[in-house]
């Protein structure tokens, strides 16, 4: 028997972006195949009629739906799509215990469960469903697209491959057996400490206070997650972060292994000056290498944009919503 957990969902508007009068907003829940109940915000265009194309949105990794995934979802609803922005398992208002864990498998399933929910929604055309992942959930979205044949179009914005960065470090600087061994040994030791202490130790969110010598990408994250621009009390990145062992299984489970077999359309968007841009450049190259399905794959680089500019537009509104809209309209028809 598939059962939904009763979640305690916030009733007031508590987003980091203003509410749009062009869409109807409601809270919904659905269950993934692990029995975890997920919480989502549903955005529907007020003037639309008939069955609509739909898009499921999530990310960034360690964020909540009240931050940029909700902004993307609401904006696309203004443009005619029925959308949901959901909290992944173990985070935000979604269920799952223990809290603040992550899993390449379960989090890919979260996207697929969102497709289940949209496919059975009476306002949705089940043959016109897409997904959009931001940051670490961009990688999850690509993995879901490689697995779920119902997904007709995928957008990955300012994408992170969380398995790659956990296994190899930033810019693959720790891509050697010794570095991986030390990382795995530390997490195995932490497992025992957590059991002795009866609770999971948090790894810490974005560093606060910000050190003067912090690298730019840390300053970039601080400017979003720790200021009025993007802070949210339920966001892991804004507060205590993931459990130290929360991402343990990412080390040896590459999620983009079969991306060159994706037959549906994929658009990758990244800022030219983002520290993470190499993830999208490499993911696109791998996606089209020895692939029979290259005509519907695109890589869009935004000049001068940094990583978090694609969270909320930055100070230049650089999120290419016109391009995202036209991409989904083309491939969800």
Protein backbone atom coordinates (compact mmCIF):
# COMPACT_ATOMS: atom_id res chain seq x y z
CA UNK A 1 0.00 0.00 0.00
CA UNK A 2 1.36 3.41 -1.01
CA UNK A 3 0.82 5.87 1.82
CA UNK A 4 1.44 9.59 2.05
CA UNK A 5 2.86 11.08 5.21
CA UNK A 6 1.03 14.06 6.66
CA UNK A 7 3.51 16.90 6.40
CA UNK A 8 3.40 20.17 8.31
CA UNK A 9 3.41 22.67 5.44
CA UNK A 10 3.82 26.41 5.85
CA UNK A 11 0.66 28.24 4.84
CA UNK A 12 2.01 31.77 4.49
CA UNK A 13 4.09 33.05 1.57
CA UNK A 14 7.68 32.73 2.79
CA UNK A 15 9.64 32.82 -0.47
CA UNK A 16 12.75 34.85 -1.22
CA UNK A 17 10.97 36.34 -4.26
CA UNK A 18 7.70 38.29 -4.59
CA UNK A 19 4.43 36.53 -5.31
CA UNK A 20 3.06 36.85 -8.84
CA UNK A 21 -0.57 37.75 -9.41
CA UNK A 22 -0.44 36.04 -12.81
CA UNK A 23 -0.40 32.52 -11.34
CA UNK A 24 -2.29 30.47 -8.80
CA UNK A 25 -0.16 28.99 -6.04
CA UNK A 26 -0.91 25.95 -3.89
CA UNK A 27 0.91 23.36 -1.80
CA UNK A 28 0.92 19.72 -2.92
CA UNK A 29 2.53 16.46 -1.80
CA UNK A 30 3.45 13.21 -3.56
CA UNK A 31 5.31 10.00 -2.75
CA UNK A 32 8.47 8.59 -4.32
CA UNK A 33 9.17 4.88 -4.73
CA UNK A 34 11.02 4.77 -1.42
CA UNK A 35 7.85 5.84 0.36
CA UNK A 36 9.14 9.33 1.13
CA UNK A 37 6.53 12.08 0.88
CA UNK A 38 7.74 15.15 -0.95
CA UNK A 39 6.41 18.69 -0.54
CA UNK A 40 6.05 21.03 -3.49
CA UNK A 41 4.70 24.41 -4.50
CA UNK A 42 2.42 24.19 -7.53
CA UNK A 43 2.17 27.19 -9.83
CA UNK A 44 -0.56 27.35 -12.49
CA UNK A 45 -1.17 30.18 -14.97
CA UNK A 46 -4.47 31.89 -14.17
CA UNK A 47 -5.62 32.35 -17.77
CA UNK A 48 -4.63 28.98 -19.24
CA UNK A 49 -7.22 26.52 -20.50
CA UNK A 50 -7.09 22.83 -21.34
CA UNK A 51 -4.32 20.41 -20.48
CA UNK A 52 -0.98 22.15 -20.06
CA UNK A 53 2.67 21.30 -20.57
CA UNK A 54 4.30 20.85 -17.17
CA UNK A 55 7.75 21.28 -15.64
CA UNK A 56 9.17 19.96 -12.35
CA UNK A 57 11.90 22.14 -10.82
CA UNK A 58 14.38 21.53 -8.01
CA UNK A 59 17.70 22.76 -6.68
CA UNK A 60 20.23 24.04 -5.89
CA UNK A 61 21.92 21.33 -3.83
CA UNK A 62 21.22 22.32 -0.24
CA UNK A 63 18.57 24.91 -1.09
CA UNK A 64 14.79 24.82 -0.64
CA UNK A 65 11.84 25.43 -2.95
CA UNK A 66 11.31 28.86 -1.41
CA UNK A 67 14.55 30.00 -3.04
CA UNK A 68 15.53 29.89 -6.70
CA UNK A 69 13.66 26.75 -7.79
CA UNK A 70 10.46 28.50 -6.81
CA UNK A 71 11.50 31.59 -8.75
CA UNK A 72 12.08 29.48 -11.88
CA UNK A 73 8.79 27.63 -11.39
CA UNK A 74 6.70 30.75 -10.83
CA UNK A 75 8.27 32.57 -13.80
CA UNK A 76 7.65 29.64 -16.13
CA UNK A 77 4.06 29.42 -14.89
CA UNK A 78 3.65 33.06 -15.86
CA UNK A 79 4.69 31.94 -19.35
CA UNK A 80 2.04 29.24 -19.68
CA UNK A 81 3.40 26.09 -18.03
CA UNK A 82 2.02 24.28 -15.01
CA UNK A 83 5.01 23.91 -12.72
CA UNK A 84 6.03 22.48 -9.39
CA UNK A 85 9.08 23.37 -7.29
CA UNK A 86 9.79 20.56 -4.82
CA UNK A 87 12.00 19.97 -1.80
CA UNK A 88 14.10 16.81 -2.27
CA UNK A 89 13.93 13.92 0.17
CA UNK A 90 15.30 14.60 3.67
CA UNK A 91 15.26 18.39 3.20
CA UNK A 92 12.97 21.40 3.52
CA UNK A 93 9.33 20.54 4.08
CA UNK A 94 9.66 17.09 2.48
CA UNK A 95 9.73 13.90 4.50
CA UNK A 96 12.52 11.42 4.98
CA UNK A 97 14.53 10.53 8.06
CA UNK A 98 17.26 11.03 9.11
CA UNK A 99 17.34 14.62 7.93
CA UNK A 100 19.96 16.23 5.71
CA UNK A 101 21.05 13.11 3.85
CA UNK A 102 21.57 12.92 0.08
CA UNK A 103 21.61 10.01 -2.35
CA UNK A 104 22.31 9.85 -6.10
CA UNK A 105 19.59 7.22 -6.40
CA UNK A 106 16.91 8.68 -4.12
CA UNK A 107 17.38 12.22 -5.38
CA UNK A 108 17.14 11.10 -9.01
CA UNK A 109 13.98 9.25 -7.99
CA UNK A 110 12.64 12.51 -6.54
CA UNK A 111 12.55 13.95 -10.06
CA UNK A 112 10.90 10.80 -11.40
CA UNK A 113 8.27 10.92 -8.63
CA UNK A 114 7.57 14.52 -9.63
CA UNK A 115 6.97 13.27 -13.17
CA UNK A 116 4.58 10.65 -11.73
CA UNK A 117 2.66 13.40 -9.94
CA UNK A 118 2.45 15.63 -12.99
CA UNK A 119 1.49 12.75 -15.28
CA UNK A 120 -1.56 12.02 -13.14
CA UNK A 121 -2.58 15.65 -12.64
CA UNK A 122 -5.86 16.38 -14.44
CA UNK A 123 -4.58 19.76 -15.65
CA UNK A 124 -1.45 18.30 -17.30
CA UNK A 125 -0.84 16.74 -20.70
CA UNK A 126 1.24 13.68 -19.68
CA UNK A 127 2.99 13.67 -23.05
CA UNK A 128 4.38 17.18 -22.47
CA UNK A 129 6.42 17.00 -19.27
CA UNK A 130 9.87 18.49 -18.72
CA UNK A 131 12.21 18.97 -15.77
CA UNK A 132 14.59 21.72 -14.71
CA UNK A 133 17.44 21.24 -12.25
CA UNK A 134 19.60 23.98 -10.74
CA UNK A 135 23.18 23.53 -9.50
CA UNK A 136 23.54 20.01 -8.02
CA UNK A 137 20.03 19.17 -9.12
CA UNK A 138 21.05 19.96 -12.69
CA UNK A 139 23.15 16.80 -12.56
CA UNK A 140 20.26 14.89 -11.01
CA UNK A 141 17.99 16.15 -13.77
CA UNK A 142 20.34 14.88 -16.47
CA UNK A 143 20.53 11.52 -14.69
CA UNK A 144 16.73 11.40 -14.49
CA UNK A 145 16.48 12.21 -18.21
CA UNK A 146 18.77 9.26 -18.96
CA UNK A 147 16.47 6.96 -16.97
CA UNK A 148 12.94 8.30 -17.43
CA UNK A 149 11.61 8.05 -20.99
CA UNK A 150 8.54 10.15 -20.09
CA UNK A 151 10.70 13.28 -19.77
CA UNK A 152 10.53 15.12 -23.07
CA UNK A 153 12.87 18.03 -22.28
CA UNK A 154 15.43 18.87 -19.59
CA UNK A 155 17.12 22.12 -18.58
CA UNK A 156 20.17 22.09 -16.31
CA UNK A 157 21.08 25.56 -15.03
CA UNK A 158 24.50 26.37 -13.47
CA UNK A 159 24.93 22.59 -13.15
CA UNK A 160 27.08 20.67 -10.66
CA UNK A 161 27.96 16.99 -11.04
CA UNK A 162 27.87 16.13 -7.34
CA UNK A 163 29.37 12.69 -7.83
CA UNK A 164 32.35 14.14 -9.69
CA UNK A 165 33.09 16.87 -7.16
CA UNK A 166 32.77 14.45 -4.23
CA UNK A 167 35.04 11.88 -5.88
CA UNK A 168 37.60 14.21 -7.42
CA UNK A 169 37.38 17.56 -5.66
CA UNK A 170 36.95 20.94 -7.31
CA UNK A 171 38.54 21.08 -10.76
CA UNK A 172 39.47 17.40 -10.23
CA UNK A 173 42.28 18.54 -7.92
CA UNK A 174 41.89 15.45 -5.69
CA UNK A 175 41.45 12.89 -8.45
CA UNK A 176 43.72 10.20 -7.04
CA UNK A 177 43.34 7.05 -4.98
CA UNK A 178 45.03 8.43 -1.86
CA UNK A 179 42.78 11.50 -1.66
CA UNK A 180 39.67 9.38 -2.10
CA UNK A 181 40.88 6.89 0.48
CA UNK A 182 41.44 9.62 3.07
CA UNK A 183 38.01 11.13 2.38
CA UNK A 184 36.31 7.74 2.71
CA UNK A 185 38.25 6.88 5.87
CA UNK A 186 37.20 10.17 7.47
CA UNK A 187 33.53 9.53 6.70
CA UNK A 188 33.71 5.97 8.01
CA UNK A 189 35.19 7.29 11.27
CA UNK A 190 32.46 9.92 11.43
CA UNK A 191 29.78 7.24 11.11
CA UNK A 192 30.94 5.68 14.38
CA UNK A 193 31.16 9.05 16.12
CA UNK A 194 27.59 9.81 15.07
CA UNK A 195 26.37 6.50 16.44
CA UNK A 196 28.21 7.03 19.73
CA UNK A 197 26.77 10.53 20.06
CA UNK A 198 23.27 9.54 19.00
CA UNK A 199 23.02 12.24 16.36
CA UNK A 200 24.47 13.16 12.99
CA UNK A 201 27.07 15.92 12.91
CA UNK A 202 26.35 18.73 10.48
CA UNK A 203 29.05 19.70 8.02
CA UNK A 204 28.17 23.38 8.09
CA UNK A 205 26.50 25.50 5.44
CA UNK A 206 28.09 28.47 3.73
CA UNK A 207 30.88 29.80 5.96
CA UNK A 208 29.89 32.68 8.23
CA UNK A 209 31.54 35.03 9.05
CA UNK A 210 33.19 35.27 5.65
CA UNK A 211 37.00 35.15 5.85
CA UNK A 212 38.77 38.02 4.11
CA UNK A 213 40.86 35.57 2.09
CA UNK A 214 37.90 33.41 1.02
CA UNK A 215 38.02 32.35 -2.65
CA UNK A 216 35.59 34.09 -4.96
CA UNK A 217 33.17 31.18 -5.26
CA UNK A 218 32.75 31.12 -1.46
CA UNK A 219 32.04 34.86 -1.51
CA UNK A 220 29.58 34.22 -4.33
CA UNK A 221 27.68 31.64 -2.24
CA UNK A 222 27.77 33.90 0.83
CA UNK A 223 26.28 36.77 -1.15
CA UNK A 224 23.28 34.60 -1.98
CA UNK A 225 22.69 32.24 0.95
CA UNK A 226 23.73 34.45 3.87
CA UNK A 227 22.15 37.77 2.90
CA UNK A 228 18.62 39.04 2.37
CA UNK A 229 19.05 38.21 -1.28
CA UNK A 230 18.57 34.48 -0.73
CA UNK A 231 18.63 33.51 2.95
CA UNK A 232 15.91 31.09 4.09
CA UNK A 233 15.56 29.49 7.53
CA UNK A 234 14.97 26.00 6.07
CA UNK A 235 17.85 26.15 3.60
CA UNK A 236 20.76 23.86 4.49
CA UNK A 237 23.23 26.14 2.74
CA UNK A 238 21.94 29.17 4.64
CA UNK A 239 22.31 27.37 7.97
CA UNK A 240 23.94 24.17 9.28
CA UNK A 241 24.44 22.35 5.99
CA UNK A 242 24.28 18.63 5.20
CA UNK A 243 25.34 15.90 7.59
CA UNK A 244 29.08 15.27 7.37
CA UNK A 245 28.32 11.79 5.99
CA UNK A 246 25.32 13.04 4.00
CA UNK A 247 26.98 12.67 0.61
CA UNK A 248 29.10 9.57 1.31
CA UNK A 249 27.72 7.41 -1.51
CA UNK A 250 28.39 10.09 -4.13
CA UNK A 251 32.09 9.19 -4.09
CA UNK A 252 31.75 6.05 -6.20
CA UNK A 253 28.45 6.47 -8.03
CA UNK A 254 28.87 8.59 -11.19
CA UNK A 255 25.46 9.90 -12.25
CA UNK A 256 26.18 10.95 -15.85
CA UNK A 257 27.40 7.58 -17.08
CA UNK A 258 24.76 7.16 -19.79
CA UNK A 259 24.02 10.77 -20.65
CA UNK A 260 24.99 10.19 -24.29
CA UNK A 261 22.01 7.83 -24.57
CA UNK A 262 19.47 10.54 -23.71
CA UNK A 263 17.11 10.78 -26.67
CA UNK A 264 15.04 13.70 -25.39
CA UNK A 265 16.04 17.36 -25.58
CA UNK A 266 18.58 18.83 -23.12
CA UNK A 267 19.64 22.44 -22.61
CA UNK A 268 22.58 23.26 -20.34
CA UNK A 269 22.97 26.88 -19.21
CA UNK A 270 26.00 28.24 -17.38
CA UNK A 271 27.72 31.50 -16.54
CA UNK A 272 30.97 32.15 -18.35
CA UNK A 273 32.75 33.23 -15.16
CA UNK A 274 31.21 30.65 -12.85
CA UNK A 275 33.75 28.50 -11.00
CA UNK A 276 31.50 25.57 -11.90
CA UNK A 277 31.28 26.18 -15.65
CA UNK A 278 33.50 23.21 -16.42
CA UNK A 279 30.76 20.87 -15.20
CA UNK A 280 28.36 21.96 -17.95
CA UNK A 281 31.03 22.18 -20.64
CA UNK A 282 32.21 18.64 -19.88
CA UNK A 283 28.67 17.28 -19.42
CA UNK A 284 27.67 18.62 -22.83
CA UNK A 285 30.79 17.17 -24.47
CA UNK A 286 30.13 13.78 -22.88
CA UNK A 287 26.45 13.94 -23.81
CA UNK A 288 27.12 14.31 -27.52
CA UNK A 289 30.17 12.04 -27.71
CA UNK A 290 29.37 8.93 -29.76
CA UNK A 291 25.68 9.83 -29.48
CA UNK A 292 22.98 9.36 -32.09
CA UNK A 293 20.88 12.07 -30.45
CA UNK A 294 22.80 15.34 -30.77
CA UNK A 295 20.40 17.53 -32.74
CA UNK A 296 18.34 18.40 -29.65
CA UNK A 297 21.23 19.07 -27.26
CA UNK A 298 22.38 22.63 -26.51
CA UNK A 299 24.95 24.41 -24.35
CA UNK A 300 24.31 28.09 -23.60
CA UNK A 301 27.05 30.14 -21.93
CA UNK A 302 25.99 33.48 -20.40
CA UNK A 303 28.74 36.11 -20.85
CA UNK A 304 30.28 37.50 -17.63
CA UNK A 305 27.82 35.60 -15.37
CA UNK A 306 28.95 33.83 -12.19
CA UNK A 307 27.45 30.78 -10.53
CA UNK A 308 24.74 32.41 -8.39
CA UNK A 309 23.73 34.84 -11.12
CA UNK A 310 21.68 31.93 -12.45
CA UNK A 311 20.04 31.45 -9.04
CA UNK A 312 18.05 34.68 -9.13
CA UNK A 313 19.38 36.66 -12.07
CA UNK A 314 22.01 38.56 -10.10
CA UNK A 315 22.05 42.31 -10.58
CA UNK A 316 21.62 42.02 -14.38
CA UNK A 317 18.67 39.58 -14.61
CA UNK A 318 20.80 37.14 -16.59
CA UNK A 319 18.55 34.05 -16.30
CA UNK A 320 17.58 33.47 -19.96
CA UNK A 321 13.88 32.85 -19.36
CA UNK A 322 13.02 33.66 -23.00
CA UNK A 323 15.38 30.91 -24.15
CA UNK A 324 14.13 28.46 -21.53
CA UNK A 325 10.53 29.18 -22.53
CA UNK A 326 11.20 28.70 -26.25
CA UNK A 327 13.18 25.51 -25.56
CA UNK A 328 10.33 23.96 -23.58
CA UNK A 329 7.72 25.17 -26.07
CA UNK A 330 9.66 23.58 -28.91
CA UNK A 331 10.12 20.22 -27.22
CA UNK A 332 6.91 19.95 -25.18
CA UNK A 333 4.54 20.30 -28.11
